[in-house]
């Protein structure tokens, strides 16, 4: 059973308690997920705006540049998930499901072809914190 992204984080936080390293690694994943969602948003917006320009040429060069940035952001996020998972699995043995901090199928962390799944997870995570904030 896959837990929603935010629920998984809350469970992890309860398990790790005051372990400073675990807390730092979880915070790092959260920050990188937010950065990645922001990057994907900015890329999609830039491509959309470029296509609307009447004198715009074929955006293949722009698309290639943006795809390179997207790949860097993806690699950064997946790396932070893997580092956090390695620490969590080694420190809190047999406590976490196979995905660790990642609440979907851990196979997604193995190959760039699963980029959409990682994007969707990061988006769900960020939106769950955004929509769950307390009203003033």
C-alpha atoms as a PDB file:
ATOM      1  CA  UNK A   1       0.000   0.000   0.000  1.00  0.00           C
ATOM      2  CA  UNK A   2       1.401   3.375  -0.993  1.00  0.00           C
ATOM      3  CA  UNK A   3       0.961   6.152   1.501  1.00  0.00           C
ATOM      4  CA  UNK A   4       0.448   9.696   0.422  1.00  0.00           C
ATOM      5  CA  UNK A   5       3.733  11.558   0.302  1.00  0.00           C
ATOM      6  CA  UNK A   6       3.070  13.849   3.274  1.00  0.00           C
ATOM      7  CA  UNK A   7       1.748  10.992   5.404  1.00  0.00           C
ATOM      8  CA  UNK A   8       4.927   9.035   4.713  1.00  0.00           C
ATOM      9  CA  UNK A   9       7.032  12.003   5.830  1.00  0.00           C
ATOM     10  CA  UNK A  10       4.997  12.389   9.032  1.00  0.00           C
ATOM     11  CA  UNK A  11       5.477   8.687   9.840  1.00  0.00           C
ATOM     12  CA  UNK A  12       9.211   8.970   9.198  1.00  0.00           C
ATOM     13  CA  UNK A  13       9.482  12.017  11.442  1.00  0.00           C
ATOM     14  CA  UNK A  14       7.736  10.157  14.262  1.00  0.00           C
ATOM     15  CA  UNK A  15      10.126   7.211  13.864  1.00  0.00           C
ATOM     16  CA  UNK A  16      13.374   9.190  13.684  1.00  0.00           C
ATOM     17  CA  UNK A  17      12.487  11.385  16.654  1.00  0.00           C
ATOM     18  CA  UNK A  18      15.375  13.683  17.463  1.00  0.00           C
ATOM     19  CA  UNK A  19      17.977  12.062  15.213  1.00  0.00           C
ATOM     20  CA  UNK A  20      19.575  15.211  13.813  1.00  0.00           C
ATOM     21  CA  UNK A  21      21.094  13.541  10.769  1.00  0.00           C
ATOM     22  CA  UNK A  22      17.805  11.916   9.787  1.00  0.00           C
ATOM     23  CA  UNK A  23      15.946  15.195  10.259  1.00  0.00           C
ATOM     24  CA  UNK A  24      18.500  17.050   8.133  1.00  0.00           C
ATOM     25  CA  UNK A  25      18.286  14.450   5.353  1.00  0.00           C
ATOM     26  CA  UNK A  26      14.479  14.490   5.357  1.00  0.00           C
ATOM     27  CA  UNK A  27      14.500  18.295   5.255  1.00  0.00           C
ATOM     28  CA  UNK A  28      16.937  18.135   2.351  1.00  0.00           C
ATOM     29  CA  UNK A  29      14.594  15.856   0.376  1.00  0.00           C
ATOM     30  CA  UNK A  30      11.670  18.201   1.080  1.00  0.00           C
ATOM     31  CA  UNK A  31      13.661  21.226  -0.084  1.00  0.00           C
ATOM     32  CA  UNK A  32      14.863  19.479  -3.243  1.00  0.00           C
ATOM     33  CA  UNK A  33      11.349  18.263  -4.046  1.00  0.00           C
ATOM     34  CA  UNK A  34      10.114  21.846  -3.773  1.00  0.00           C
ATOM     35  CA  UNK A  35      12.998  23.080  -5.930  1.00  0.00           C
ATOM     36  CA  UNK A  36      12.282  20.430  -8.553  1.00  0.00           C
ATOM     37  CA  UNK A  37       8.578  21.280  -8.738  1.00  0.00           C
ATOM     38  CA  UNK A  38       9.525  24.940  -9.131  1.00  0.00           C
ATOM     39  CA  UNK A  39      12.016  24.053 -11.867  1.00  0.00           C
ATOM     40  CA  UNK A  40       9.454  22.001 -13.810  1.00  0.00           C
ATOM     41  CA  UNK A  41       6.906  24.814 -13.488  1.00  0.00           C
ATOM     42  CA  UNK A  42       9.384  27.430 -14.742  1.00  0.00           C
ATOM     43  CA  UNK A  43      10.398  25.205 -17.661  1.00  0.00           C
ATOM     44  CA  UNK A  44       6.838  24.534 -18.762  1.00  0.00           C
ATOM     45  CA  UNK A  45       6.000  28.222 -18.474  1.00  0.00           C
ATOM     46  CA  UNK A  46       9.089  29.261 -20.463  1.00  0.00           C
ATOM     47  CA  UNK A  47       8.243  26.865 -23.288  1.00  0.00           C
ATOM     48  CA  UNK A  48       4.638  28.031 -23.349  1.00  0.00           C
ATOM     49  CA  UNK A  49       5.650  31.703 -23.486  1.00  0.00           C
ATOM     50  CA  UNK A  50       8.231  30.996 -26.177  1.00  0.00           C
ATOM     51  CA  UNK A  51       5.609  29.340 -28.394  1.00  0.00           C
ATOM     52  CA  UNK A  52       3.323  32.369 -28.063  1.00  0.00           C
ATOM     53  CA  UNK A  53       5.874  34.779 -29.508  1.00  0.00           C
ATOM     54  CA  UNK A  54       4.935  35.533 -33.124  1.00  0.00           C
ATOM     55  CA  UNK A  55       8.558  35.601 -34.275  1.00  0.00           C
ATOM     56  CA  UNK A  56       9.713  32.584 -32.271  1.00  0.00           C
ATOM     57  CA  UNK A  57      11.716  30.007 -34.117  1.00  0.00           C
ATOM     58  CA  UNK A  58      11.628  26.304 -33.457  1.00  0.00           C
ATOM     59  CA  UNK A  59      12.244  25.970 -29.709  1.00  0.00           C
ATOM     60  CA  UNK A  60      14.399  22.835 -30.050  1.00  0.00           C
ATOM     61  CA  UNK A  61      17.459  24.623 -28.705  1.00  0.00           C
ATOM     62  CA  UNK A  62      15.473  26.023 -25.804  1.00  0.00           C
ATOM     63  CA  UNK A  63      13.842  22.653 -25.191  1.00  0.00           C
ATOM     64  CA  UNK A  64      17.237  20.937 -25.135  1.00  0.00           C
ATOM     65  CA  UNK A  65      18.647  23.482 -22.678  1.00  0.00           C
ATOM     66  CA  UNK A  66      15.610  23.219 -20.418  1.00  0.00           C
ATOM     67  CA  UNK A  67      15.641  19.428 -20.576  1.00  0.00           C
ATOM     68  CA  UNK A  68      19.245  19.508 -19.385  1.00  0.00           C
ATOM     69  CA  UNK A  69      18.225  21.622 -16.405  1.00  0.00           C
ATOM     70  CA  UNK A  70      15.302  19.306 -15.700  1.00  0.00           C
ATOM     71  CA  UNK A  71      17.659  16.324 -15.722  1.00  0.00           C
ATOM     72  CA  UNK A  72      19.992  18.021 -13.256  1.00  0.00           C
ATOM     73  CA  UNK A  73      17.056  18.791 -10.954  1.00  0.00           C
ATOM     74  CA  UNK A  74      15.794  15.228 -11.264  1.00  0.00           C
ATOM     75  CA  UNK A  75      19.221  13.768 -10.487  1.00  0.00           C
ATOM     76  CA  UNK A  76      19.564  16.102  -7.515  1.00  0.00           C
ATOM     77  CA  UNK A  77      16.202  15.058  -6.051  1.00  0.00           C
ATOM     78  CA  UNK A  78      16.708  11.322  -6.629  1.00  0.00           C
ATOM     79  CA  UNK A  79      20.213  11.505  -5.152  1.00  0.00           C
ATOM     80  CA  UNK A  80      18.879  13.177  -1.997  1.00  0.00           C
ATOM     81  CA  UNK A  81      16.175  10.492  -1.681  1.00  0.00           C
ATOM     82  CA  UNK A  82      18.768   7.725  -2.049  1.00  0.00           C
ATOM     83  CA  UNK A  83      21.105   9.309   0.513  1.00  0.00           C
ATOM     84  CA  UNK A  84      18.255   9.748   2.997  1.00  0.00           C
ATOM     85  CA  UNK A  85      17.054   6.190   2.421  1.00  0.00           C
ATOM     86  CA  UNK A  86      20.531   4.744   2.887  1.00  0.00           C
ATOM     87  CA  UNK A  87      20.868   6.474   6.238  1.00  0.00           C
ATOM     88  CA  UNK A  88      17.331   5.618   7.363  1.00  0.00           C
ATOM     89  CA  UNK A  89      17.645   1.948   6.386  1.00  0.00           C
ATOM     90  CA  UNK A  90      21.039   1.610   8.093  1.00  0.00           C
ATOM     91  CA  UNK A  91      20.032   3.454  11.255  1.00  0.00           C
ATOM     92  CA  UNK A  92      16.454   2.271  11.686  1.00  0.00           C
ATOM     93  CA  UNK A  93      16.629  -1.283  10.326  1.00  0.00           C
ATOM     94  CA  UNK A  94      13.394  -3.036   9.331  1.00  0.00           C
ATOM     95  CA  UNK A  95      11.330   0.041  10.135  1.00  0.00           C
ATOM     96  CA  UNK A  96      10.623   1.415   6.688  1.00  0.00           C
ATOM     97  CA  UNK A  97       8.918   0.091   3.599  1.00  0.00           C
ATOM     98  CA  UNK A  98      11.105  -0.457   0.500  1.00  0.00           C
ATOM     99  CA  UNK A  99      10.703   3.085  -0.863  1.00  0.00           C
ATOM    100  CA  UNK A 100      11.842   4.653   2.397  1.00  0.00           C
ATOM    101  CA  UNK A 101      11.075   8.344   2.174  1.00  0.00           C
ATOM    102  CA  UNK A 102       9.661   7.886  -1.342  1.00  0.00           C
ATOM    103  CA  UNK A 103       6.024   6.784  -1.017  1.00  0.00           C
ATOM    104  CA  UNK A 104       5.685   5.151  -4.431  1.00  0.00           C
ATOM    105  CA  UNK A 105       7.297   2.124  -6.100  1.00  0.00           C
ATOM    106  CA  UNK A 106      11.065   2.265  -5.393  1.00  0.00           C
ATOM    107  CA  UNK A 107      11.770   1.096  -8.960  1.00  0.00           C
ATOM    108  CA  UNK A 108      11.077   4.715  -9.939  1.00  0.00           C
ATOM    109  CA  UNK A 109      14.345   5.719  -8.282  1.00  0.00           C
ATOM    110  CA  UNK A 110      16.400   3.564 -10.633  1.00  0.00           C
ATOM    111  CA  UNK A 111      15.972   5.127 -14.052  1.00  0.00           C
ATOM    112  CA  UNK A 112      15.260   8.480 -15.696  1.00  0.00           C
ATOM    113  CA  UNK A 113      12.446   6.896 -17.690  1.00  0.00           C
ATOM    114  CA  UNK A 114      10.394   7.146 -14.485  1.00  0.00           C
ATOM    115  CA  UNK A 115      10.801  10.924 -14.428  1.00  0.00           C
ATOM    116  CA  UNK A 116       7.048  11.568 -14.553  1.00  0.00           C
ATOM    117  CA  UNK A 117       6.456   9.420 -11.487  1.00  0.00           C
ATOM    118  CA  UNK A 118       9.117  11.331  -9.562  1.00  0.00           C
ATOM    119  CA  UNK A 119       7.647  14.645 -10.758  1.00  0.00           C
ATOM    120  CA  UNK A 120       4.158  13.586  -9.711  1.00  0.00           C
ATOM    121  CA  UNK A 121       5.391  12.484  -6.288  1.00  0.00           C
ATOM    122  CA  UNK A 122       7.274  15.737  -5.736  1.00  0.00           C
ATOM    123  CA  UNK A 123       4.241  17.733  -6.875  1.00  0.00           C
ATOM    124  CA  UNK A 124       1.948  15.771  -4.558  1.00  0.00           C
ATOM    125  CA  UNK A 125       4.346  16.289  -1.664  1.00  0.00           C
ATOM    126  CA  UNK A 126       4.637  20.041  -2.202  1.00  0.00           C
ATOM    127  CA  UNK A 127       0.897  20.484  -2.751  1.00  0.00           C
ATOM    128  CA  UNK A 128       0.036  18.462   0.355  1.00  0.00           C
ATOM    129  CA  UNK A 129       2.084  20.849   2.484  1.00  0.00           C
ATOM    130  CA  UNK A 130       0.692  23.883   0.661  1.00  0.00           C
ATOM    131  CA  UNK A 131      -2.950  22.840   0.923  1.00  0.00           C
ATOM    132  CA  UNK A 132      -2.518  21.647   4.511  1.00  0.00           C
ATOM    133  CA  UNK A 133      -1.202  24.931   5.865  1.00  0.00           C
ATOM    134  CA  UNK A 134      -3.089  26.620   8.672  1.00  0.00           C
ATOM    135  CA  UNK A 135      -5.306  29.537   7.788  1.00  0.00           C
ATOM    136  CA  UNK A 136      -4.546  32.866   9.461  1.00  0.00           C
END
